[in-house]
């Protein structure tokens, strides 16, 4: 409703849906979500939220349900039970509005190795309906931001693993999303490349106000200032600021808190079994 449409005293406001204020609601809200593959329950009554302009770590071993959750948020799978919304837009009722605000980096690489860096970005931009001239401008901007401007004409197959990941993040940001999902984004990278990717994503939160949900099984990727969701065997075992989760678990750090919560030993520096 615009200022000219505001009803005066005694008038009844038109029966129009309320407008969403992105700053006044969670970037991502997951409520009572369950999902099964036949008789196997992959997610069980999952409920948590991601605040705008925040970094939330989704911590769980391989097989905890992280990728299934991402597939539901991105509508690769249909929601069986529960509700998911992005800045107030229900992904089942208003998928276009919801997904327009979402950028995603999946664990498997999804780049075309035989296209150039810029060609990969332009193809993605076309899928989002971005005009070619605007797409070229945005491509140049994101490549400069992630330090790949000098590789714009290179074929993707000639990039390092860390450079490919940075390109996937750049691609996910082309349509200016407000929420970014990253599923095990540092898997297979060396220590320096992992640190570079994580630092870049954290900068997106502080400098651009993007909400981030970072799925990982590595404890050293989580900072005390982060929000944390502990996912284990399809259930959320804890959700809140890292310090609160640690304190509630009666632990000294994230590693020991996770072990207390799950009852399972875990290795901070190696992939989960």
C-alpha atoms as a PDB file:
ATOM      1  CA  UNK A   1       0.000   0.000   0.000  1.00  0.00           C
ATOM      2  CA  UNK A   2       1.498   3.370  -0.985  1.00  0.00           C
ATOM      3  CA  UNK A   3       1.122   6.606   0.935  1.00  0.00           C
ATOM      4  CA  UNK A   4      -1.663   7.717  -1.395  1.00  0.00           C
ATOM      5  CA  UNK A   5      -3.524   4.484  -0.727  1.00  0.00           C
ATOM      6  CA  UNK A   6      -3.499   4.805   3.068  1.00  0.00           C
ATOM      7  CA  UNK A   7      -7.114   4.779   4.322  1.00  0.00           C
ATOM      8  CA  UNK A   8      -8.314   7.752   6.309  1.00  0.00           C
ATOM      9  CA  UNK A   9     -10.085   7.360   9.649  1.00  0.00           C
ATOM     10  CA  UNK A  10     -13.250   5.333   9.280  1.00  0.00           C
ATOM     11  CA  UNK A  11     -12.242   3.746   5.982  1.00  0.00           C
ATOM     12  CA  UNK A  12     -11.614   0.018   5.563  1.00  0.00           C
ATOM     13  CA  UNK A  13      -8.267  -0.914   4.072  1.00  0.00           C
ATOM     14  CA  UNK A  14      -8.427  -2.842   0.774  1.00  0.00           C
ATOM     15  CA  UNK A  15      -8.185  -6.604   1.067  1.00  0.00           C
ATOM     16  CA  UNK A  16      -4.649  -6.866  -0.296  1.00  0.00           C
ATOM     17  CA  UNK A  17      -1.883  -9.178   0.894  1.00  0.00           C
ATOM     18  CA  UNK A  18       0.667  -7.580   3.232  1.00  0.00           C
ATOM     19  CA  UNK A  19       3.963  -6.567   1.737  1.00  0.00           C
ATOM     20  CA  UNK A  20       7.044  -8.341   3.036  1.00  0.00           C
ATOM     21  CA  UNK A  21       9.733  -6.312   4.757  1.00  0.00           C
ATOM     22  CA  UNK A  22      12.904  -8.385   4.163  1.00  0.00           C
ATOM     23  CA  UNK A  23      14.695  -6.753   7.097  1.00  0.00           C
ATOM     24  CA  UNK A  24      11.943  -7.684   9.554  1.00  0.00           C
ATOM     25  CA  UNK A  25      11.871 -11.443   9.063  1.00  0.00           C
ATOM     26  CA  UNK A  26      14.281 -14.393   8.882  1.00  0.00           C
ATOM     27  CA  UNK A  27      16.315 -14.848   5.740  1.00  0.00           C
ATOM     28  CA  UNK A  28      15.386 -18.529   5.982  1.00  0.00           C
ATOM     29  CA  UNK A  29      12.701 -20.132   8.126  1.00  0.00           C
ATOM     30  CA  UNK A  30      12.357 -23.915   8.346  1.00  0.00           C
ATOM     31  CA  UNK A  31       9.389 -25.131  10.351  1.00  0.00           C
ATOM     32  CA  UNK A  32       8.463 -28.723  11.168  1.00  0.00           C
ATOM     33  CA  UNK A  33      10.080 -30.142   8.028  1.00  0.00           C
ATOM     34  CA  UNK A  34      10.291 -33.916   7.662  1.00  0.00           C
ATOM     35  CA  UNK A  35      11.372 -35.940   4.639  1.00  0.00           C
ATOM     36  CA  UNK A  36      11.549 -39.658   3.932  1.00  0.00           C
ATOM     37  CA  UNK A  37      13.037 -41.828   1.200  1.00  0.00           C
ATOM     38  CA  UNK A  38      10.558 -44.669   1.321  1.00  0.00           C
ATOM     39  CA  UNK A  39      10.764 -46.123   4.850  1.00  0.00           C
ATOM     40  CA  UNK A  40      13.967 -44.227   5.701  1.00  0.00           C
ATOM     41  CA  UNK A  41      13.446 -40.919   7.503  1.00  0.00           C
ATOM     42  CA  UNK A  42      16.114 -38.459   6.351  1.00  0.00           C
ATOM     43  CA  UNK A  43      14.781 -35.387   8.205  1.00  0.00           C
ATOM     44  CA  UNK A  44      12.584 -35.428  11.297  1.00  0.00           C
ATOM     45  CA  UNK A  45      10.651 -32.306  12.338  1.00  0.00           C
ATOM     46  CA  UNK A  46      13.421 -29.854  11.449  1.00  0.00           C
ATOM     47  CA  UNK A  47      12.881 -26.314  12.776  1.00  0.00           C
ATOM     48  CA  UNK A  48      15.365 -23.419  12.770  1.00  0.00           C
ATOM     49  CA  UNK A  49      15.915 -20.009  11.180  1.00  0.00           C
ATOM     50  CA  UNK A  50      18.730 -17.954   9.641  1.00  0.00           C
ATOM     51  CA  UNK A  51      18.803 -14.235  10.403  1.00  0.00           C
ATOM     52  CA  UNK A  52      19.504 -11.659   7.669  1.00  0.00           C
ATOM     53  CA  UNK A  53      23.134 -10.552   7.383  1.00  0.00           C
ATOM     54  CA  UNK A  54      24.343 -13.426   9.564  1.00  0.00           C
ATOM     55  CA  UNK A  55      26.577 -16.487   9.216  1.00  0.00           C
ATOM     56  CA  UNK A  56      24.884 -19.697  10.352  1.00  0.00           C
ATOM     57  CA  UNK A  57      26.851 -22.949  10.359  1.00  0.00           C
ATOM     58  CA  UNK A  58      24.883 -26.146   9.742  1.00  0.00           C
ATOM     59  CA  UNK A  59      27.102 -28.739  11.420  1.00  0.00           C
ATOM     60  CA  UNK A  60      26.623 -32.436  10.825  1.00  0.00           C
ATOM     61  CA  UNK A  61      28.436 -35.582   9.785  1.00  0.00           C
ATOM     62  CA  UNK A  62      28.043 -36.903   6.264  1.00  0.00           C
ATOM     63  CA  UNK A  63      24.586 -38.473   6.095  1.00  0.00           C
ATOM     64  CA  UNK A  64      23.109 -36.167   8.737  1.00  0.00           C
ATOM     65  CA  UNK A  65      20.598 -34.758   6.245  1.00  0.00           C
ATOM     66  CA  UNK A  66      22.307 -31.517   5.188  1.00  0.00           C
ATOM     67  CA  UNK A  67      22.091 -32.147   1.446  1.00  0.00           C
ATOM     68  CA  UNK A  68      18.486 -33.337   1.723  1.00  0.00           C
ATOM     69  CA  UNK A  69      17.611 -30.102   3.507  1.00  0.00           C
ATOM     70  CA  UNK A  70      19.315 -28.046   0.790  1.00  0.00           C
ATOM     71  CA  UNK A  71      17.399 -29.965  -1.874  1.00  0.00           C
ATOM     72  CA  UNK A  72      14.142 -29.052  -0.140  1.00  0.00           C
ATOM     73  CA  UNK A  73      15.053 -25.378   0.249  1.00  0.00           C
ATOM     74  CA  UNK A  74      15.958 -25.148  -3.448  1.00  0.00           C
ATOM     75  CA  UNK A  75      12.852 -27.124  -4.494  1.00  0.00           C
ATOM     76  CA  UNK A  76      14.812 -29.956  -6.081  1.00  0.00           C
ATOM     77  CA  UNK A  77      12.607 -32.087  -3.806  1.00  0.00           C
ATOM     78  CA  UNK A  78       9.021 -31.339  -2.918  1.00  0.00           C
ATOM     79  CA  UNK A  79       8.219 -30.707   0.732  1.00  0.00           C
ATOM     80  CA  UNK A  80       6.437 -33.662   2.289  1.00  0.00           C
ATOM     81  CA  UNK A  81       5.777 -32.146   5.712  1.00  0.00           C
ATOM     82  CA  UNK A  82       6.372 -28.663   7.123  1.00  0.00           C
ATOM     83  CA  UNK A  83       7.050 -25.231   5.710  1.00  0.00           C
ATOM     84  CA  UNK A  84      10.080 -23.372   4.341  1.00  0.00           C
ATOM     85  CA  UNK A  85      10.142 -19.662   3.584  1.00  0.00           C
ATOM     86  CA  UNK A  86      12.776 -17.217   2.348  1.00  0.00           C
ATOM     87  CA  UNK A  87      12.302 -13.667   3.640  1.00  0.00           C
ATOM     88  CA  UNK A  88       8.673 -14.507   4.284  1.00  0.00           C
ATOM     89  CA  UNK A  89       7.972 -16.050   0.886  1.00  0.00           C
ATOM     90  CA  UNK A  90       6.740 -19.635   1.216  1.00  0.00           C
ATOM     91  CA  UNK A  91       8.681 -21.718  -1.317  1.00  0.00           C
ATOM     92  CA  UNK A  92       5.626 -23.875  -1.959  1.00  0.00           C
ATOM     93  CA  UNK A  93       3.158 -21.009  -2.443  1.00  0.00           C
ATOM     94  CA  UNK A  94       5.443 -18.379  -3.992  1.00  0.00           C
ATOM     95  CA  UNK A  95       8.486 -20.210  -5.368  1.00  0.00           C
ATOM     96  CA  UNK A  96       9.426 -17.496  -7.854  1.00  0.00           C
ATOM     97  CA  UNK A  97       9.602 -14.779  -5.213  1.00  0.00           C
ATOM     98  CA  UNK A  98      11.427 -17.057  -2.794  1.00  0.00           C
ATOM     99  CA  UNK A  99      14.050 -18.432  -5.175  1.00  0.00           C
ATOM    100  CA  UNK A 100      14.748 -14.986  -6.618  1.00  0.00           C
ATOM    101  CA  UNK A 101      16.290 -14.118  -3.236  1.00  0.00           C
ATOM    102  CA  UNK A 102      18.374 -17.302  -3.031  1.00  0.00           C
ATOM    103  CA  UNK A 103      21.854 -18.208  -4.269  1.00  0.00           C
ATOM    104  CA  UNK A 104      23.215 -21.759  -3.938  1.00  0.00           C
ATOM    105  CA  UNK A 105      26.571 -23.525  -4.121  1.00  0.00           C
ATOM    106  CA  UNK A 106      26.071 -27.284  -4.076  1.00  0.00           C
ATOM    107  CA  UNK A 107      28.730 -29.766  -2.985  1.00  0.00           C
ATOM    108  CA  UNK A 108      29.150 -31.383  -6.442  1.00  0.00           C
ATOM    109  CA  UNK A 109      30.757 -29.115  -9.033  1.00  0.00           C
ATOM    110  CA  UNK A 110      28.227 -27.845 -11.569  1.00  0.00           C
ATOM    111  CA  UNK A 111      30.403 -25.742 -13.878  1.00  0.00           C
ATOM    112  CA  UNK A 112      30.827 -26.445 -17.595  1.00  0.00           C
ATOM    113  CA  UNK A 113      34.531 -27.240 -17.853  1.00  0.00           C
ATOM    114  CA  UNK A 114      34.711 -26.559 -21.599  1.00  0.00           C
ATOM    115  CA  UNK A 115      33.269 -23.047 -21.373  1.00  0.00           C
ATOM    116  CA  UNK A 116      35.232 -20.023 -20.263  1.00  0.00           C
ATOM    117  CA  UNK A 117      34.798 -18.408 -16.875  1.00  0.00           C
ATOM    118  CA  UNK A 118      32.736 -15.585 -18.376  1.00  0.00           C
ATOM    119  CA  UNK A 119      30.666 -17.948 -20.545  1.00  0.00           C
ATOM    120  CA  UNK A 120      29.662 -19.916 -17.437  1.00  0.00           C
ATOM    121  CA  UNK A 121      28.494 -16.704 -15.781  1.00  0.00           C
ATOM    122  CA  UNK A 122      26.606 -15.455 -18.837  1.00  0.00           C
ATOM    123  CA  UNK A 123      24.795 -18.764 -19.223  1.00  0.00           C
ATOM    124  CA  UNK A 124      23.686 -18.644 -15.588  1.00  0.00           C
ATOM    125  CA  UNK A 125      22.598 -15.016 -15.955  1.00  0.00           C
ATOM    126  CA  UNK A 126      20.462 -15.931 -18.968  1.00  0.00           C
ATOM    127  CA  UNK A 127      18.653 -18.558 -16.879  1.00  0.00           C
ATOM    128  CA  UNK A 128      17.721 -15.758 -14.463  1.00  0.00           C
ATOM    129  CA  UNK A 129      16.484 -13.524 -17.281  1.00  0.00           C
ATOM    130  CA  UNK A 130      19.299 -10.999 -16.922  1.00  0.00           C
ATOM    131  CA  UNK A 131      19.899  -9.053 -20.152  1.00  0.00           C
ATOM    132  CA  UNK A 132      23.235  -9.805 -21.804  1.00  0.00           C
ATOM    133  CA  UNK A 133      24.678  -6.304 -21.379  1.00  0.00           C
ATOM    134  CA  UNK A 134      23.764  -6.247 -17.709  1.00  0.00           C
ATOM    135  CA  UNK A 135      25.049  -9.805 -17.336  1.00  0.00           C
ATOM    136  CA  UNK A 136      28.466  -8.787 -18.683  1.00  0.00           C
ATOM    137  CA  UNK A 137      28.621  -5.864 -16.268  1.00  0.00           C
ATOM    138  CA  UNK A 138      27.711  -8.072 -13.315  1.00  0.00           C
ATOM    139  CA  UNK A 139      30.144 -10.779 -14.429  1.00  0.00           C
ATOM    140  CA  UNK A 140      33.000  -8.297 -14.487  1.00  0.00           C
ATOM    141  CA  UNK A 141      32.054  -7.017 -11.056  1.00  0.00           C
ATOM    142  CA  UNK A 142      31.874 -10.411  -9.353  1.00  0.00           C
ATOM    143  CA  UNK A 143      35.066 -11.663 -11.001  1.00  0.00           C
ATOM    144  CA  UNK A 144      36.929  -8.596  -9.766  1.00  0.00           C
ATOM    145  CA  UNK A 145      35.501  -9.111  -6.272  1.00  0.00           C
ATOM    146  CA  UNK A 146      36.683 -12.722  -6.053  1.00  0.00           C
ATOM    147  CA  UNK A 147      40.052 -12.125  -7.703  1.00  0.00           C
ATOM    148  CA  UNK A 148      39.388 -13.917 -10.978  1.00  0.00           C
ATOM    149  CA  UNK A 149      39.210 -10.947 -13.357  1.00  0.00           C
ATOM    150  CA  UNK A 150      42.451 -12.048 -15.011  1.00  0.00           C
ATOM    151  CA  UNK A 151      40.971 -15.512 -15.710  1.00  0.00           C
ATOM    152  CA  UNK A 152      37.752 -14.305 -17.374  1.00  0.00           C
ATOM    153  CA  UNK A 153      38.683 -15.832 -20.732  1.00  0.00           C
ATOM    154  CA  UNK A 154      40.194 -19.049 -19.342  1.00  0.00           C
ATOM    155  CA  UNK A 155      38.442 -22.375 -19.679  1.00  0.00           C
ATOM    156  CA  UNK A 156      37.125 -23.580 -16.356  1.00  0.00           C
ATOM    157  CA  UNK A 157      39.066 -26.850 -16.638  1.00  0.00           C
ATOM    158  CA  UNK A 158      42.283 -24.811 -16.348  1.00  0.00           C
ATOM    159  CA  UNK A 159      41.340 -23.377 -12.946  1.00  0.00           C
ATOM    160  CA  UNK A 160      42.427 -24.772  -9.605  1.00  0.00           C
ATOM    161  CA  UNK A 161      39.886 -26.341  -7.251  1.00  0.00           C
ATOM    162  CA  UNK A 162      39.785 -23.217  -5.100  1.00  0.00           C
ATOM    163  CA  UNK A 163      39.293 -20.991  -8.142  1.00  0.00           C
ATOM    164  CA  UNK A 164      36.417 -23.165  -9.329  1.00  0.00           C
ATOM    165  CA  UNK A 165      34.732 -22.827  -5.943  1.00  0.00           C
ATOM    166  CA  UNK A 166      35.159 -19.055  -6.022  1.00  0.00           C
ATOM    167  CA  UNK A 167      33.640 -19.014  -9.494  1.00  0.00           C
ATOM    168  CA  UNK A 168      30.642 -21.003  -8.256  1.00  0.00           C
ATOM    169  CA  UNK A 169      30.142 -18.475  -5.475  1.00  0.00           C
ATOM    170  CA  UNK A 170      30.405 -15.622  -7.974  1.00  0.00           C
ATOM    171  CA  UNK A 171      27.836 -17.332 -10.171  1.00  0.00           C
ATOM    172  CA  UNK A 172      25.469 -17.742  -7.223  1.00  0.00           C
ATOM    173  CA  UNK A 173      25.700 -13.987  -6.554  1.00  0.00           C
ATOM    174  CA  UNK A 174      24.973 -12.806 -10.119  1.00  0.00           C
ATOM    175  CA  UNK A 175      21.249 -12.232  -9.551  1.00  0.00           C
ATOM    176  CA  UNK A 176      21.884 -10.344  -6.275  1.00  0.00           C
ATOM    177  CA  UNK A 177      20.385 -12.824  -3.782  1.00  0.00           C
ATOM    178  CA  UNK A 178      19.823 -11.944  -0.104  1.00  0.00           C
ATOM    179  CA  UNK A 179      20.461 -15.500   1.118  1.00  0.00           C
ATOM    180  CA  UNK A 180      23.333 -17.806   0.163  1.00  0.00           C
ATOM    181  CA  UNK A 181      23.420 -21.563   0.819  1.00  0.00           C
ATOM    182  CA  UNK A 182      26.731 -23.419   0.608  1.00  0.00           C
ATOM    183  CA  UNK A 183      26.844 -27.202   0.961  1.00  0.00           C
ATOM    184  CA  UNK A 184      30.312 -28.443   2.035  1.00  0.00           C
ATOM    185  CA  UNK A 185      31.898 -25.730  -0.130  1.00  0.00           C
ATOM    186  CA  UNK A 186      35.473 -26.498   0.951  1.00  0.00           C
ATOM    187  CA  UNK A 187      35.462 -30.269   0.405  1.00  0.00           C
ATOM    188  CA  UNK A 188      38.583 -31.392  -1.462  1.00  0.00           C
ATOM    189  CA  UNK A 189      40.421 -28.071  -1.110  1.00  0.00           C
ATOM    190  CA  UNK A 190      43.775 -27.509   0.567  1.00  0.00           C
ATOM    191  CA  UNK A 191      44.092 -25.551   3.808  1.00  0.00           C
ATOM    192  CA  UNK A 192      44.818 -22.183   2.149  1.00  0.00           C
ATOM    193  CA  UNK A 193      42.016 -22.519  -0.409  1.00  0.00           C
ATOM    194  CA  UNK A 194      39.590 -23.477   2.373  1.00  0.00           C
ATOM    195  CA  UNK A 195      40.574 -20.410   4.393  1.00  0.00           C
ATOM    196  CA  UNK A 196      40.261 -18.121   1.346  1.00  0.00           C
ATOM    197  CA  UNK A 197      36.765 -19.381   0.489  1.00  0.00           C
ATOM    198  CA  UNK A 198      35.558 -19.067   4.073  1.00  0.00           C
ATOM    199  CA  UNK A 199      37.027 -15.573   4.430  1.00  0.00           C
ATOM    200  CA  UNK A 200      35.337 -14.441   1.215  1.00  0.00           C
ATOM    201  CA  UNK A 201      31.950 -15.760   2.303  1.00  0.00           C
ATOM    202  CA  UNK A 202      32.235 -14.070   5.698  1.00  0.00           C
ATOM    203  CA  UNK A 203      33.021 -10.797   3.925  1.00  0.00           C
ATOM    204  CA  UNK A 204      29.767 -11.136   1.988  1.00  0.00           C
ATOM    205  CA  UNK A 205      27.944 -11.149   5.323  1.00  0.00           C
ATOM    206  CA  UNK A 206      29.703  -8.121   6.786  1.00  0.00           C
ATOM    207  CA  UNK A 207      30.066  -6.027   3.625  1.00  0.00           C
ATOM    208  CA  UNK A 208      26.934  -6.878   1.641  1.00  0.00           C
ATOM    209  CA  UNK A 209      24.535  -7.981   4.368  1.00  0.00           C
ATOM    210  CA  UNK A 210      23.906 -11.396   2.842  1.00  0.00           C
ATOM    211  CA  UNK A 211      22.528 -14.150   5.071  1.00  0.00           C
ATOM    212  CA  UNK A 212      24.593 -17.345   4.834  1.00  0.00           C
ATOM    213  CA  UNK A 213      23.813 -20.952   5.696  1.00  0.00           C
ATOM    214  CA  UNK A 214      27.147 -22.832   5.604  1.00  0.00           C
ATOM    215  CA  UNK A 215      26.839 -26.622   5.766  1.00  0.00           C
ATOM    216  CA  UNK A 216      29.967 -28.351   7.050  1.00  0.00           C
ATOM    217  CA  UNK A 217      31.310 -31.260   9.065  1.00  0.00           C
ATOM    218  CA  UNK A 218      34.534 -29.422   9.990  1.00  0.00           C
ATOM    219  CA  UNK A 219      34.655 -27.820  13.433  1.00  0.00           C
ATOM    220  CA  UNK A 220      37.480 -25.431  12.549  1.00  0.00           C
ATOM    221  CA  UNK A 221      35.235 -23.652  10.040  1.00  0.00           C
ATOM    222  CA  UNK A 222      33.012 -22.378  12.862  1.00  0.00           C
ATOM    223  CA  UNK A 223      33.710 -19.150  14.814  1.00  0.00           C
ATOM    224  CA  UNK A 224      32.425 -18.236  18.288  1.00  0.00           C
ATOM    225  CA  UNK A 225      30.418 -15.357  16.776  1.00  0.00           C
ATOM    226  CA  UNK A 226      28.471 -17.653  14.425  1.00  0.00           C
ATOM    227  CA  UNK A 227      25.009 -19.037  14.850  1.00  0.00           C
ATOM    228  CA  UNK A 228      25.020 -22.830  14.901  1.00  0.00           C
ATOM    229  CA  UNK A 229      22.597 -25.577  13.965  1.00  0.00           C
ATOM    230  CA  UNK A 230      23.678 -29.109  14.959  1.00  0.00           C
ATOM    231  CA  UNK A 231      22.055 -31.685  12.680  1.00  0.00           C
ATOM    232  CA  UNK A 232      22.475 -35.376  13.473  1.00  0.00           C
ATOM    233  CA  UNK A 233      20.669 -38.363  11.983  1.00  0.00           C
ATOM    234  CA  UNK A 234      17.983 -36.088  10.569  1.00  0.00           C
ATOM    235  CA  UNK A 235      17.260 -34.189  13.798  1.00  0.00           C
ATOM    236  CA  UNK A 236      18.243 -30.730  15.028  1.00  0.00           C
ATOM    237  CA  UNK A 237      19.990 -31.298  18.367  1.00  0.00           C
ATOM    238  CA  UNK A 238      20.893 -27.664  19.066  1.00  0.00           C
ATOM    239  CA  UNK A 239      20.330 -24.220  17.560  1.00  0.00           C
ATOM    240  CA  UNK A 240      21.656 -20.860  18.702  1.00  0.00           C
ATOM    241  CA  UNK A 241      24.810 -18.811  19.188  1.00  0.00           C
ATOM    242  CA  UNK A 242      27.914 -20.978  19.354  1.00  0.00           C
ATOM    243  CA  UNK A 243      28.723 -19.914  22.925  1.00  0.00           C
ATOM    244  CA  UNK A 244      25.217 -20.810  24.075  1.00  0.00           C
ATOM    245  CA  UNK A 245      25.288 -24.213  22.394  1.00  0.00           C
ATOM    246  CA  UNK A 246      28.633 -24.975  24.026  1.00  0.00           C
ATOM    247  CA  UNK A 247      27.411 -23.831  27.434  1.00  0.00           C
ATOM    248  CA  UNK A 248      24.125 -25.724  27.195  1.00  0.00           C
ATOM    249  CA  UNK A 249      26.051 -28.894  26.325  1.00  0.00           C
ATOM    250  CA  UNK A 250      28.343 -28.395  29.346  1.00  0.00           C
ATOM    251  CA  UNK A 251      31.340 -28.413  27.027  1.00  0.00           C
ATOM    252  CA  UNK A 252      34.497 -26.353  26.451  1.00  0.00           C
ATOM    253  CA  UNK A 253      34.409 -26.014  22.662  1.00  0.00           C
ATOM    254  CA  UNK A 254      32.386 -26.888  19.556  1.00  0.00           C
ATOM    255  CA  UNK A 255      34.132 -30.234  19.128  1.00  0.00           C
ATOM    256  CA  UNK A 256      33.320 -31.494  22.632  1.00  0.00           C
ATOM    257  CA  UNK A 257      29.823 -29.976  22.482  1.00  0.00           C
ATOM    258  CA  UNK A 258      29.124 -31.901  19.285  1.00  0.00           C
ATOM    259  CA  UNK A 259      30.382 -35.141  20.800  1.00  0.00           C
ATOM    260  CA  UNK A 260      28.252 -34.647  23.900  1.00  0.00           C
ATOM    261  CA  UNK A 261      25.182 -33.861  21.807  1.00  0.00           C
ATOM    262  CA  UNK A 262      25.584 -36.717  19.356  1.00  0.00           C
ATOM    263  CA  UNK A 263      27.298 -39.260  21.578  1.00  0.00           C
ATOM    264  CA  UNK A 264      29.762 -39.864  18.771  1.00  0.00           C
ATOM    265  CA  UNK A 265      33.467 -39.118  18.452  1.00  0.00           C
ATOM    266  CA  UNK A 266      34.440 -36.901  15.513  1.00  0.00           C
ATOM    267  CA  UNK A 267      37.668 -35.754  13.922  1.00  0.00           C
ATOM    268  CA  UNK A 268      37.983 -31.986  13.508  1.00  0.00           C
ATOM    269  CA  UNK A 269      40.270 -32.149  10.536  1.00  0.00           C
ATOM    270  CA  UNK A 270      39.146 -35.050   8.394  1.00  0.00           C
ATOM    271  CA  UNK A 271      35.948 -35.947   6.573  1.00  0.00           C
ATOM    272  CA  UNK A 272      33.298 -37.760   8.530  1.00  0.00           C
ATOM    273  CA  UNK A 273      32.830 -41.457   7.743  1.00  0.00           C
END
